[in-house]
C-alpha atoms as a PDB file:
ATOM      1  CA  MET A   1     218.839  31.782-140.836  1.00  0.00           C
ATOM      2  CA  LYS A   2     219.779  29.492-143.724  1.00  0.00           C
ATOM      3  CA  ILE A   3     217.184  27.349-145.471  1.00  0.00           C
ATOM      4  CA  TYR A   4     218.485  24.144-143.916  1.00  0.00           C
ATOM      5  CA  GLN A   5     218.172  25.772-140.466  1.00  0.00           C
ATOM      6  CA  TYR A   6     214.536  26.695-141.142  1.00  0.00           C
ATOM      7  CA  ARG A   7     213.836  23.142-142.290  1.00  0.00           C
ATOM      8  CA  LEU A   8     215.452  21.734-139.150  1.00  0.00           C
ATOM      9  CA  LEU A   9     213.382  24.090-136.959  1.00  0.00           C
ATOM     10  CA  THR A  10     210.173  23.032-138.727  1.00  0.00           C
ATOM     11  CA  LYS A  11     210.937  19.337-138.251  1.00  0.00           C
ATOM     12  CA  ILE A  12     211.734  19.857-134.551  1.00  0.00           C
ATOM     13  CA  ILE A  13     208.432  21.685-133.966  1.00  0.00           C
ATOM     14  CA  LEU A  14     206.467  18.961-135.769  1.00  0.00           C
ATOM     15  CA  ARG A  15     208.140  16.241-133.692  1.00  0.00           C
ATOM     16  CA  ILE A  16     207.400  18.103-130.456  1.00  0.00           C
ATOM     17  CA  LEU A  17     203.710  18.278-131.332  1.00  0.00           C
ATOM     18  CA  ILE A  18     203.617  14.604-132.312  1.00  0.00           C
ATOM     19  CA  VAL A  19     205.104  13.718-128.920  1.00  0.00           C
ATOM     20  CA  SER A  20     202.494  15.961-127.266  1.00  0.00           C
ATOM     21  CA  PHE A  21     199.700  14.019-128.984  1.00  0.00           C
ATOM     22  CA  THR A  22     201.225  10.789-127.670  1.00  0.00           C
ATOM     23  CA  PHE A  23     200.628  11.902-124.083  1.00  0.00           C
ATOM     24  CA  ILE A  24     197.170  13.412-124.588  1.00  0.00           C
ATOM     25  CA  PRO A  25     195.209  10.577-122.889  1.00  0.00           C
ATOM     26  CA  SER A  26     197.104  11.129-119.623  1.00  0.00           C
ATOM     27  CA  PHE A  27     195.344  14.424-118.865  1.00  0.00           C
ATOM     28  CA  SER A  28     193.508  14.381-115.523  1.00  0.00           C
ATOM     29  CA  THR A  29     189.788  13.544-115.519  1.00  0.00           C
ATOM     30  CA  ALA A  30     189.382  13.270-111.764  1.00  0.00           C
ATOM     31  CA  GLN A  31     186.742  15.987-111.463  1.00  0.00           C
ATOM     32  CA  ILE A  32     184.908  15.316-114.732  1.00  0.00           C
ATOM     33  CA  ASN A  33     181.543  13.554-114.550  1.00  0.00           C
ATOM     34  CA  GLN A  34     180.484  10.752-116.861  1.00  0.00           C
ATOM     35  CA  THR A  35     179.011  12.998-119.566  1.00  0.00           C
ATOM     36  CA  GLU A  36     181.909  15.473-119.602  1.00  0.00           C
ATOM     37  CA  LYS A  37     184.894  13.121-119.777  1.00  0.00           C
ATOM     38  CA  TYR A  38     185.148  12.848-123.565  1.00  0.00           C
ATOM     39  CA  GLN A  39     188.006  14.211-125.620  1.00  0.00           C
ATOM     40  CA  THR A  40     187.654  14.665-129.385  1.00  0.00           C
ATOM     41  CA  PHE A  41     190.114  13.922-132.178  1.00  0.00           C
ATOM     42  CA  PHE A  42     189.649  15.462-135.633  1.00  0.00           C
ATOM     43  CA  ILE A  43     191.137  14.920-139.079  1.00  0.00           C
ATOM     44  CA  TYR A  44     190.435  17.594-141.699  1.00  0.00           C
ATOM     45  CA  TYR A  45     191.328  17.232-145.375  1.00  0.00           C
ATOM     46  CA  GLU A  46     190.639  19.644-148.238  1.00  0.00           C
ATOM     47  CA  ASN A  47     191.629  19.280-151.893  1.00  0.00           C
ATOM     48  CA  ASP A  48     190.478  20.712-155.200  1.00  0.00           C
ATOM     49  CA  ALA A  49     190.864  17.254-156.766  1.00  0.00           C
ATOM     50  CA  PHE A  50     187.262  16.729-155.605  1.00  0.00           C
ATOM     51  CA  ASN A  51     186.436  19.308-158.273  1.00  0.00           C
ATOM     52  CA  GLY A  52     188.752  17.797-160.894  1.00  0.00           C
ATOM     53  CA  THR A  53     191.332  20.623-160.738  1.00  0.00           C
ATOM     54  CA  ASP A  54     194.863  21.163-159.408  1.00  0.00           C
ATOM     55  CA  ARG A  55     195.363  24.862-158.795  1.00  0.00           C
ATOM     56  CA  HIS A  56     195.328  27.736-156.295  1.00  0.00           C
ATOM     57  CA  TYR A  57     194.221  26.434-152.861  1.00  0.00           C
ATOM     58  CA  THR A  58     195.087  22.911-153.906  1.00  0.00           C
ATOM     59  CA  ASN A  59     195.607  20.845-150.749  1.00  0.00           C
ATOM     60  CA  ALA A  60     195.412  21.148-146.965  1.00  0.00           C
ATOM     61  CA  PHE A  61     195.216  18.919-143.938  1.00  0.00           C
ATOM     62  CA  ARG A  62     194.796  19.567-140.240  1.00  0.00           C
ATOM     63  CA  ILE A  63     194.848  17.260-137.225  1.00  0.00           C
ATOM     64  CA  THR A  64     193.224  18.578-134.047  1.00  0.00           C
ATOM     65  CA  TRP A  65     192.827  17.265-130.525  1.00  0.00           C
ATOM     66  CA  LEU A  66     190.316  18.892-128.147  1.00  0.00           C
ATOM     67  CA  SER A  67     190.403  18.175-124.422  1.00  0.00           C
ATOM     68  CA  HIS A  68     187.540  17.090-122.197  1.00  0.00           C
ATOM     69  CA  ASP A  69     185.674  19.864-120.390  1.00  0.00           C
ATOM     70  CA  LEU A  70     187.870  21.564-117.809  1.00  0.00           C
ATOM     71  CA  THR A  71     186.613  23.279-114.659  1.00  0.00           C
ATOM     72  CA  GLU A  72     189.427  25.821-115.108  1.00  0.00           C
ATOM     73  CA  PHE A  73     192.133  26.045-117.733  1.00  0.00           C
ATOM     74  CA  ASP A  74     194.803  25.671-115.040  1.00  0.00           C
ATOM     75  CA  GLU A  75     193.400  22.162-114.387  1.00  0.00           C
ATOM     76  CA  ASP A  76     195.456  21.161-117.423  1.00  0.00           C
ATOM     77  CA  THR A  77     198.883  20.654-115.822  1.00  0.00           C
ATOM     78  CA  ARG A  78     200.648  20.527-119.181  1.00  0.00           C
ATOM     79  CA  LEU A  79     200.049  24.227-119.872  1.00  0.00           C
ATOM     80  CA  PRO A  80     203.090  26.351-118.958  1.00  0.00           C
ATOM     81  CA  ARG A  81     202.642  28.056-115.575  1.00  0.00           C
ATOM     82  CA  TRP A  82     203.968  31.347-116.928  1.00  0.00           C
ATOM     83  CA  GLY A  83     201.119  31.467-119.478  1.00  0.00           C
ATOM     84  CA  LEU A  84     198.232  31.068-117.032  1.00  0.00           C
ATOM     85  CA  PRO A  85     197.975  34.775-116.027  1.00  0.00           C
ATOM     86  CA  LEU A  86     197.663  35.681-119.709  1.00  0.00           C
ATOM     87  CA  ILE A  87     195.063  32.949-120.306  1.00  0.00           C
ATOM     88  CA  ARG A  88     192.982  34.080-117.316  1.00  0.00           C
ATOM     89  CA  ASN A  89     192.941  37.636-118.674  1.00  0.00           C
ATOM     90  CA  LEU A  90     191.570  36.683-122.075  1.00  0.00           C
ATOM     91  CA  PRO A  91     188.159  38.288-122.602  1.00  0.00           C
ATOM     92  CA  LEU A  92     185.117  36.082-121.887  1.00  0.00           C
ATOM     93  CA  ILE A  93     187.350  33.328-120.517  1.00  0.00           C
ATOM     94  CA  ASN A  94     186.045  33.033-116.940  1.00  0.00           C
ATOM     95  CA  ARG A  95     182.277  33.193-117.354  1.00  0.00           C
ATOM     96  CA  PRO A  96     180.410  30.987-114.884  1.00  0.00           C
ATOM     97  CA  GLY A  97     178.297  28.172-116.270  1.00  0.00           C
ATOM     98  CA  PHE A  98     180.460  27.650-119.362  1.00  0.00           C
ATOM     99  CA  GLN A  99     182.515  24.625-120.359  1.00  0.00           C
ATOM    100  CA  ARG A 100     186.193  25.012-121.224  1.00  0.00           C
ATOM    101  CA  ASN A 101     188.360  23.039-123.627  1.00  0.00           C
ATOM    102  CA  ILE A 102     191.940  23.259-124.847  1.00  0.00           C
ATOM    103  CA  GLY A 103     192.914  22.200-128.369  1.00  0.00           C
ATOM    104  CA  LEU A 104     196.171  21.427-130.171  1.00  0.00           C
ATOM    105  CA  SER A 105     196.481  21.327-133.959  1.00  0.00           C
ATOM    106  CA  ILE A 106     199.071  20.644-136.632  1.00  0.00           C
ATOM    107  CA  GLY A 107     198.463  21.409-140.295  1.00  0.00           C
ATOM    108  CA  GLN A 108     199.751  22.325-143.728  1.00  0.00           C
ATOM    109  CA  ASN A 109     198.260  24.340-146.626  1.00  0.00           C
ATOM    110  CA  ILE A 110     199.556  24.322-150.221  1.00  0.00           C
ATOM    111  CA  TYR A 111     198.944  27.021-152.846  1.00  0.00           C
ATOM    112  CA  THR A 112     199.977  27.020-156.521  1.00  0.00           C
ATOM    113  CA  PRO A 113     199.217  28.955-159.706  1.00  0.00           C
ATOM    114  CA  GLU A 114     196.777  27.538-162.238  1.00  0.00           C
ATOM    115  CA  ASP A 115     199.479  26.170-164.547  1.00  0.00           C
ATOM    116  CA  ILE A 116     201.984  24.053-162.613  1.00  0.00           C
ATOM    117  CA  SER A 117     203.731  22.773-165.775  1.00  0.00           C
ATOM    118  CA  LYS A 118     205.834  25.934-166.293  1.00  0.00           C
ATOM    119  CA  ARG A 119     209.131  26.727-164.560  1.00  0.00           C
ATOM    120  CA  ASP A 120     208.953  30.465-165.294  1.00  0.00           C
ATOM    121  CA  LEU A 121     207.478  32.959-162.847  1.00  0.00           C
ATOM    122  CA  LEU A 122     203.817  33.501-163.737  1.00  0.00           C
ATOM    123  CA  LYS A 123     203.476  37.142-162.763  1.00  0.00           C
ATOM    124  CA  GLU A 124     199.722  37.368-163.308  1.00  0.00           C
ATOM    125  CA  ASP A 125     198.926  34.257-161.265  1.00  0.00           C
ATOM    126  CA  ARG A 126     199.135  33.559-157.546  1.00  0.00           C
ATOM    127  CA  PRO A 127     202.485  32.565-156.029  1.00  0.00           C
ATOM    128  CA  TYR A 128     203.553  29.084-155.076  1.00  0.00           C
ATOM    129  CA  ALA A 129     203.357  28.994-151.284  1.00  0.00           C
ATOM    130  CA  GLY A 130     203.242  26.618-148.353  1.00  0.00           C
ATOM    131  CA  TRP A 131     202.151  27.105-144.748  1.00  0.00           C
ATOM    132  CA  SER A 132     202.891  24.589-141.975  1.00  0.00           C
ATOM    133  CA  TYR A 133     201.741  25.484-138.490  1.00  0.00           C
ATOM    134  CA  LEU A 134     200.887  24.604-134.916  1.00  0.00           C
ATOM    135  CA  SER A 135     197.817  26.008-133.146  1.00  0.00           C
ATOM    136  CA  LEU A 136     196.736  26.341-129.526  1.00  0.00           C
ATOM    137  CA  THR A 137     192.980  26.779-129.140  1.00  0.00           C
ATOM    138  CA  PHE A 138     190.693  27.701-126.242  1.00  0.00           C
ATOM    139  CA  HIS A 139     186.972  26.898-126.371  1.00  0.00           C
ATOM    140  CA  ILE A 140     184.480  28.504-123.966  1.00  0.00           C
ATOM    141  CA  LYS A 141     180.950  27.230-124.524  1.00  0.00           C
ATOM    142  CA  ASN A 142     177.530  26.335-123.235  1.00  0.00           C
ATOM    143  CA  THR A 143     174.692  24.746-125.177  1.00  0.00           C
ATOM    144  CA  THR A 144     173.833  27.937-127.092  1.00  0.00           C
ATOM    145  CA  GLN A 145     177.134  29.812-127.550  1.00  0.00           C
ATOM    146  CA  LEU A 146     180.777  29.031-128.335  1.00  0.00           C
ATOM    147  CA  ASP A 147     183.787  31.353-128.298  1.00  0.00           C
ATOM    148  CA  VAL A 148     187.018  30.135-129.903  1.00  0.00           C
ATOM    149  CA  PHE A 149     190.365  31.831-129.214  1.00  0.00           C
ATOM    150  CA  GLU A 150     193.239  30.553-131.337  1.00  0.00           C
ATOM    151  CA  VAL A 151     196.985  31.291-131.479  1.00  0.00           C
ATOM    152  CA  THR A 152     198.821  29.900-134.517  1.00  0.00           C
ATOM    153  CA  LEU A 153     202.577  29.782-135.110  1.00  0.00           C
ATOM    154  CA  GLY A 154     204.142  28.408-138.272  1.00  0.00           C
ATOM    155  CA  MET A 155     206.396  28.815-141.289  1.00  0.00           C
ATOM    156  CA  VAL A 156     205.762  30.128-144.784  1.00  0.00           C
ATOM    157  CA  GLY A 157     208.187  29.277-147.578  1.00  0.00           C
ATOM    158  CA  PRO A 158     210.512  26.343-148.336  1.00  0.00           C
ATOM    159  CA  SER A 159     210.691  25.430-144.640  1.00  0.00           C
ATOM    160  CA  SER A 160     206.973  24.640-144.685  1.00  0.00           C
ATOM    161  CA  LEU A 161     207.955  21.541-146.707  1.00  0.00           C
ATOM    162  CA  ALA A 162     204.936  22.110-148.963  1.00  0.00           C
ATOM    163  CA  GLU A 163     207.037  21.556-152.080  1.00  0.00           C
ATOM    164  CA  ASP A 164     208.218  18.198-150.749  1.00  0.00           C
ATOM    165  CA  THR A 165     204.649  17.214-149.902  1.00  0.00           C
ATOM    166  CA  GLN A 166     203.221  18.055-153.312  1.00  0.00           C
ATOM    167  CA  ARG A 167     206.061  16.489-155.288  1.00  0.00           C
ATOM    168  CA  THR A 168     205.898  13.298-153.235  1.00  0.00           C
ATOM    169  CA  VAL A 169     202.122  12.934-153.526  1.00  0.00           C
ATOM    170  CA  HIS A 170     202.179  13.680-157.255  1.00  0.00           C
ATOM    171  CA  LYS A 171     204.885  11.053-157.689  1.00  0.00           C
ATOM    172  CA  TRP A 172     202.823   8.457-155.782  1.00  0.00           C
ATOM    173  CA  LEU A 173     199.734   9.249-157.862  1.00  0.00           C
ATOM    174  CA  ARG A 174     201.744   9.559-161.097  1.00  0.00           C
ATOM    175  CA  ASN A 175     200.460  13.080-161.637  1.00  0.00           C
ATOM    176  CA  ALA A 176     202.327  15.864-163.402  1.00  0.00           C
ATOM    177  CA  ASP A 177     205.353  17.125-161.488  1.00  0.00           C
ATOM    178  CA  PRO A 178     204.890  20.783-160.400  1.00  0.00           C
ATOM    179  CA  LYS A 179     207.682  22.746-162.091  1.00  0.00           C
ATOM    180  CA  GLY A 180     207.582  26.240-160.586  1.00  0.00           C
ATOM    181  CA  TRP A 181     208.402  25.808-156.893  1.00  0.00           C
ATOM    182  CA  ASP A 182     211.656  27.778-157.333  1.00  0.00           C
ATOM    183  CA  ASN A 183     209.376  30.850-157.453  1.00  0.00           C
ATOM    184  CA  GLN A 184     207.632  30.195-154.144  1.00  0.00           C
ATOM    185  CA  LEU A 185     207.392  32.730-151.304  1.00  0.00           C
ATOM    186  CA  ARG A 186     210.505  33.032-149.165  1.00  0.00           C
ATOM    187  CA  ASN A 187     210.908  31.738-145.622  1.00  0.00           C
ATOM    188  CA  GLU A 188     209.003  33.745-143.026  1.00  0.00           C
ATOM    189  CA  PRO A 189     207.789  32.820-139.520  1.00  0.00           C
ATOM    190  CA  GLY A 190     204.057  33.362-139.199  1.00  0.00           C
ATOM    191  CA  LEU A 191     201.889  34.342-136.242  1.00  0.00           C
ATOM    192  CA  MET A 192     198.099  34.678-136.173  1.00  0.00           C
ATOM    193  CA  ILE A 193     195.725  35.406-133.296  1.00  0.00           C
ATOM    194  CA  GLY A 194     192.032  34.849-133.906  1.00  0.00           C
ATOM    195  CA  TRP A 195     188.619  34.829-132.266  1.00  0.00           C
ATOM    196  CA  GLN A 196     185.300  33.447-133.477  1.00  0.00           C
ATOM    197  CA  ARG A 197     181.853  33.220-131.897  1.00  0.00           C
ATOM    198  CA  ASN A 198     179.258  30.656-132.936  1.00  0.00           C
ATOM    199  CA  TRP A 199     175.797  30.548-131.472  1.00  0.00           C
ATOM    200  CA  ARG A 200     172.684  28.427-131.855  1.00  0.00           C
ATOM    201  CA  LEU A 201     170.276  31.118-132.978  1.00  0.00           C
ATOM    202  CA  PHE A 202     167.302  28.900-133.738  1.00  0.00           C
ATOM    203  CA  ARG A 203     166.356  25.228-133.381  1.00  0.00           C
ATOM    204  CA  LEU A 204     163.082  23.676-134.476  1.00  0.00           C
ATOM    205  CA  GLY A 205     162.504  20.037-133.572  1.00  0.00           C
ATOM    206  CA  GLU A 206     163.082  17.615-130.733  1.00  0.00           C
ATOM    207  CA  ARG A 207     165.843  15.224-129.750  1.00  0.00           C
ATOM    208  CA  ASP A 208     165.766  11.835-131.510  1.00  0.00           C
ATOM    209  CA  ALA A 209     163.643  13.339-134.303  1.00  0.00           C
ATOM    210  CA  TRP A 210     163.862  15.546-137.375  1.00  0.00           C
ATOM    211  CA  ALA A 211     165.134  19.047-136.628  1.00  0.00           C
ATOM    212  CA  PHE A 212     166.268  22.300-138.243  1.00  0.00           C
ATOM    213  CA  GLU A 213     168.937  24.729-136.976  1.00  0.00           C
ATOM    214  CA  LEU A 214     170.520  28.100-137.709  1.00  0.00           C
ATOM    215  CA  ILE A 215     174.118  28.531-136.449  1.00  0.00           C
ATOM    216  CA  PRO A 216     175.634  31.940-137.353  1.00  0.00           C
ATOM    217  CA  HIS A 217     179.212  32.961-136.596  1.00  0.00           C
ATOM    218  CA  LEU A 218     181.486  35.991-136.706  1.00  0.00           C
ATOM    219  CA  GLY A 219     185.125  36.634-135.905  1.00  0.00           C
ATOM    220  CA  GLY A 220     188.473  37.890-137.080  1.00  0.00           C
ATOM    221  CA  VAL A 221     192.210  37.211-137.387  1.00  0.00           C
ATOM    222  CA  LEU A 222     195.293  39.415-136.892  1.00  0.00           C
ATOM    223  CA  GLY A 223     198.848  38.546-137.866  1.00  0.00           C
ATOM    224  CA  ASN A 224     201.512  38.775-140.532  1.00  0.00           C
ATOM    225  CA  VAL A 225     199.993  35.789-142.382  1.00  0.00           C
ATOM    226  CA  ALA A 226     196.401  37.054-142.518  1.00  0.00           C
ATOM    227  CA  ILE A 227     194.224  39.925-141.361  1.00  0.00           C
ATOM    228  CA  TYR A 228     190.493  39.622-141.937  1.00  0.00           C
ATOM    229  CA  ALA A 229     187.034  39.853-140.405  1.00  0.00           C
ATOM    230  CA  ASN A 230     184.501  37.138-141.161  1.00  0.00           C
ATOM    231  CA  VAL A 231     180.788  36.563-140.757  1.00  0.00           C
ATOM    232  CA  GLY A 232     178.679  33.598-141.806  1.00  0.00           C
ATOM    233  CA  ASN A 233     175.863  31.189-141.104  1.00  0.00           C
ATOM    234  CA  GLU A 234     175.149  27.466-141.306  1.00  0.00           C
ATOM    235  CA  ILE A 235     171.732  25.963-141.915  1.00  0.00           C
ATOM    236  CA  ARG A 236     171.224  22.265-141.263  1.00  0.00           C
ATOM    237  CA  PHE A 237     168.347  19.832-141.350  1.00  0.00           C
ATOM    238  CA  GLY A 238     168.259  16.164-140.479  1.00  0.00           C
ATOM    239  CA  TYR A 239     167.505  13.334-138.126  1.00  0.00           C
ATOM    240  CA  ASN A 240     168.977  13.271-134.596  1.00  0.00           C
ATOM    241  CA  LEU A 241     171.075  16.412-135.070  1.00  0.00           C
ATOM    242  CA  PRO A 242     174.312  16.560-133.078  1.00  0.00           C
ATOM    243  CA  PHE A 243     174.436  19.074-130.251  1.00  0.00           C
ATOM    244  CA  ASP A 244     177.520  20.916-131.538  1.00  0.00           C
ATOM    245  CA  PHE A 245     178.148  24.162-133.407  1.00  0.00           C
ATOM    246  CA  GLY A 246     178.132  23.013-136.988  1.00  0.00           C
ATOM    247  CA  THR A 247     180.764  22.085-139.553  1.00  0.00           C
ATOM    248  CA  SER A 248     184.200  23.666-139.560  1.00  0.00           C
ATOM    249  CA  PHE A 249     186.698  23.954-142.381  1.00  0.00           C
ATOM    250  CA  ILE A 250     190.466  24.442-142.362  1.00  0.00           C
ATOM    251  CA  ARG A 251     190.345  27.980-141.080  1.00  0.00           C
ATOM    252  CA  LEU A 252     189.764  29.704-137.752  1.00  0.00           C
ATOM    253  CA  GLY A 253     187.271  27.871-135.562  1.00  0.00           C
ATOM    254  CA  SER A 254     188.152  24.212-136.020  1.00  0.00           C
ATOM    255  CA  GLY A 255     186.866  21.764-133.436  1.00  0.00           C
ATOM    256  CA  ILE A 256     183.349  23.178-133.277  1.00  0.00           C
ATOM    257  CA  GLU A 257     182.030  19.676-134.076  1.00  0.00           C
ATOM    258  CA  ALA A 258     182.790  18.541-130.507  1.00  0.00           C
ATOM    259  CA  PRO A 259     179.650  17.760-128.433  1.00  0.00           C
ATOM    260  CA  ALA A 260     178.398  20.666-126.335  1.00  0.00           C
ATOM    261  CA  SER A 261     175.794  18.758-124.324  1.00  0.00           C
ATOM    262  CA  PRO A 262     175.343  15.256-122.844  1.00  0.00           C
ATOM    263  CA  THR A 263     172.202  15.013-125.029  1.00  0.00           C
ATOM    264  CA  ASP A 264     174.423  14.809-128.135  1.00  0.00           C
ATOM    265  CA  PRO A 265     173.764  11.410-129.787  1.00  0.00           C
ATOM    266  CA  ARG A 266     177.515  10.588-129.757  1.00  0.00           C
ATOM    267  CA  LEU A 267     177.468  10.596-125.953  1.00  0.00           C
ATOM    268  CA  ARG A 268     174.463   8.294-125.600  1.00  0.00           C
ATOM    269  CA  ARG A 269     174.366   4.516-125.640  1.00  0.00           C
ATOM    270  CA  GLN A 270     171.077   4.354-127.512  1.00  0.00           C
ATOM    271  CA  LYS A 271     169.755   6.201-130.558  1.00  0.00           C
ATOM    272  CA  ASN A 272     173.272   7.225-131.466  1.00  0.00           C
ATOM    273  CA  PHE A 273     172.759   7.381-135.236  1.00  0.00           C
ATOM    274  CA  GLY A 274     172.041  10.604-137.073  1.00  0.00           C
ATOM    275  CA  PHE A 275     172.146  12.131-140.537  1.00  0.00           C
ATOM    276  CA  HIS A 276     171.805  15.703-141.746  1.00  0.00           C
ATOM    277  CA  LEU A 277     172.303  18.023-144.693  1.00  0.00           C
ATOM    278  CA  PHE A 278     173.851  21.447-144.290  1.00  0.00           C
ATOM    279  CA  ALA A 279     174.640  24.625-146.190  1.00  0.00           C
ATOM    280  CA  ASP A 280     177.212  27.179-145.039  1.00  0.00           C
ATOM    281  CA  VAL A 281     178.086  30.654-146.275  1.00  0.00           C
ATOM    282  CA  GLU A 282     180.872  32.939-145.070  1.00  0.00           C
ATOM    283  CA  GLY A 283     182.066  36.365-146.179  1.00  0.00           C
ATOM    284  CA  ARG A 284     185.496  37.807-145.365  1.00  0.00           C
ATOM    285  CA  ALA A 285     186.803  41.374-145.515  1.00  0.00           C
ATOM    286  CA  VAL A 286     190.512  40.773-146.143  1.00  0.00           C
ATOM    287  CA  ALA A 287     193.206  43.306-145.255  1.00  0.00           C
ATOM    288  CA  ARG A 288     196.149  40.909-145.657  1.00  0.00           C
ATOM    289  CA  ASN A 289     196.774  37.491-147.175  1.00  0.00           C
ATOM    290  CA  ILE A 290     200.471  36.628-147.330  1.00  0.00           C
ATOM    291  CA  PHE A 291     199.780  33.947-149.956  1.00  0.00           C
ATOM    292  CA  LEU A 292     198.648  36.711-152.328  1.00  0.00           C
ATOM    293  CA  ASP A 293     200.366  39.840-150.937  1.00  0.00           C
ATOM    294  CA  GLY A 294     203.782  38.158-150.727  1.00  0.00           C
ATOM    295  CA  ASN A 295     206.331  38.189-147.934  1.00  0.00           C
ATOM    296  CA  THR A 296     206.105  40.856-145.252  1.00  0.00           C
ATOM    297  CA  TRP A 297     209.753  41.890-145.009  1.00  0.00           C
ATOM    298  CA  LYS A 298     211.274  40.442-148.180  1.00  0.00           C
ATOM    299  CA  THR A 299     210.745  40.947-151.884  1.00  0.00           C
ATOM    300  CA  SER A 300     208.675  38.147-153.392  1.00  0.00           C
ATOM    301  CA  HIS A 301     206.078  37.388-156.011  1.00  0.00           C
ATOM    302  CA  ARG A 302     202.713  38.987-155.294  1.00  0.00           C
ATOM    303  CA  VAL A 303     199.353  39.684-156.949  1.00  0.00           C
ATOM    304  CA  ASP A 304     196.606  42.214-156.249  1.00  0.00           C
ATOM    305  CA  ARG A 305     194.329  40.765-153.581  1.00  0.00           C
ATOM    306  CA  LYS A 306     190.566  41.253-153.625  1.00  0.00           C
ATOM    307  CA  ARG A 307     189.207  42.793-150.441  1.00  0.00           C
ATOM    308  CA  LEU A 308     185.999  40.769-150.259  1.00  0.00           C
ATOM    309  CA  VAL A 309     185.902  36.985-150.579  1.00  0.00           C
ATOM    310  CA  ALA A 310     183.039  34.564-149.986  1.00  0.00           C
ATOM    311  CA  ASP A 311     182.795  30.808-149.426  1.00  0.00           C
ATOM    312  CA  MET A 312     179.593  28.867-150.066  1.00  0.00           C
ATOM    313  CA  ALA A 313     179.388  25.203-149.085  1.00  0.00           C
ATOM    314  CA  ALA A 314     176.870  22.391-149.083  1.00  0.00           C
ATOM    315  CA  GLY A 315     177.225  18.869-147.793  1.00  0.00           C
ATOM    316  CA  PHE A 316     176.118  16.095-145.493  1.00  0.00           C
ATOM    317  CA  ALA A 317     177.175  14.527-142.203  1.00  0.00           C
ATOM    318  CA  ILE A 318     176.655  11.105-140.676  1.00  0.00           C
ATOM    319  CA  ILE A 319     176.846  10.221-136.979  1.00  0.00           C
ATOM    320  CA  TYR A 320     177.313   6.675-135.779  1.00  0.00           C
ATOM    321  CA  LYS A 321     178.062   5.965-132.137  1.00  0.00           C
ATOM    322  CA  GLN A 322     181.039   8.195-131.233  1.00  0.00           C
ATOM    323  CA  LEU A 323     181.949   9.051-134.823  1.00  0.00           C
ATOM    324  CA  LYS A 324     181.002  11.942-137.068  1.00  0.00           C
ATOM    325  CA  LEU A 325     181.921  12.063-140.764  1.00  0.00           C
ATOM    326  CA  SER A 326     181.071  15.020-142.977  1.00  0.00           C
ATOM    327  CA  TYR A 327     181.722  16.105-146.546  1.00  0.00           C
ATOM    328  CA  ALA A 328     181.226  19.577-148.002  1.00  0.00           C
ATOM    329  CA  HIS A 329     181.726  20.913-151.509  1.00  0.00           C
ATOM    330  CA  VAL A 330     182.974  24.484-151.223  1.00  0.00           C
ATOM    331  CA  TYR A 331     182.732  27.257-153.812  1.00  0.00           C
ATOM    332  CA  ARG A 332     185.080  30.234-153.306  1.00  0.00           C
ATOM    333  CA  THR A 333     184.845  33.532-155.156  1.00  0.00           C
ATOM    334  CA  LYS A 334     187.875  35.023-156.904  1.00  0.00           C
ATOM    335  CA  GLU A 335     190.627  36.049-154.488  1.00  0.00           C
ATOM    336  CA  PHE A 336     192.851  38.232-156.695  1.00  0.00           C
ATOM    337  CA  ASP A 337     192.737  40.420-159.791  1.00  0.00           C
ATOM    338  CA  GLY A 338     193.438  38.423-162.924  1.00  0.00           C
ATOM    339  CA  GLN A 339     192.136  35.144-161.495  1.00  0.00           C
ATOM    340  CA  LYS A 340     190.442  33.470-164.436  1.00  0.00           C
ATOM    341  CA  ARG A 341     187.948  31.288-162.585  1.00  0.00           C
ATOM    342  CA  GLU A 342     186.443  30.905-159.171  1.00  0.00           C
ATOM    343  CA  GLN A 343     187.583  27.891-157.182  1.00  0.00           C
ATOM    344  CA  ALA A 344     185.816  24.833-155.821  1.00  0.00           C
ATOM    345  CA  PHE A 345     187.188  22.115-153.553  1.00  0.00           C
ATOM    346  CA  GLY A 346     186.041  19.291-151.322  1.00  0.00           C
ATOM    347  CA  SER A 347     186.317  19.282-147.526  1.00  0.00           C
ATOM    348  CA  VAL A 348     186.224  16.082-145.467  1.00  0.00           C
ATOM    349  CA  THR A 349     186.060  16.013-141.650  1.00  0.00           C
ATOM    350  CA  PHE A 350     186.360  12.976-139.426  1.00  0.00           C
ATOM    351  CA  ALA A 351     185.763  13.349-135.674  1.00  0.00           C
ATOM    352  CA  ILE A 352     185.795  10.745-132.925  1.00  0.00           C
ATOM    353  CA  ASN A 353     185.039  11.098-129.210  1.00  0.00           C
ATOM    354  CA  PHE A 354     186.996   8.918-126.804  1.00  0.00           C
END
């Protein structure tokens, strides 16, 4: 396919998802009781400008919608009939006593080398790369455990439109124009399949009071874009803690901020304000990262990827009525040989139940 054909395909997919979001409120709620009727809408934004830099993992956004609780996944009439047998056969999917949700996401990640002022290929630094994608997510949860299954389809390369995004934003903000996008990774369709489990390991404190929680997680991703296994834990302390599964970032497992119990303060008419601090750590054993390893089937710029990477984050979250706003400052260890400095970036999440 030619570049203009890839761009056209990307735009068509994005428009289809936008239309899908337009019809989200029409999903049936006939069999959902008063405490289980809420859907959740999320906006995620991450940028290293929060750290005063413009390099490496430099910008990302993700928009996610998560359905109300479904008795069965086939209650959602907008899922294709041909896919239901496959969905029913997913592991852990049909456990009694668990809630079920379906999520849709659209997002884009942008990666650049440290010096964006040079047109030449910087062989010792990470490639320019963009990743635009759509995700279908399945949540299976009760008040103590959440399993997330996610299928992501997207485009790497010029058809991701990452170059257009960065140039446009830099022009608006009157920042330096990135010069080296001619060296970016080549067009490649991307597919990832992932699973993550979060569970409430420990909670000390009562509802409507100060409380402390431990929420560990583990999972993994397979695909031509990324292959890794991850494990981590979140610690949080505050007043009127939400009854969800912590804070998610732009990676596998988004949407875990949705309420998992009618006792969540966002689903109550009274005492629906809360505040908490949190710290999160995650380690990943990485077998593939296309944004460092280069294209799968074509020759492209690449660097030597590190096999072990860790993220450490700290931040705060505020709950008011049906809203939750959180900010985290994330520190990431070096991802490739020759990387001069570790990276830090800010992560903002806005979630609303409706």
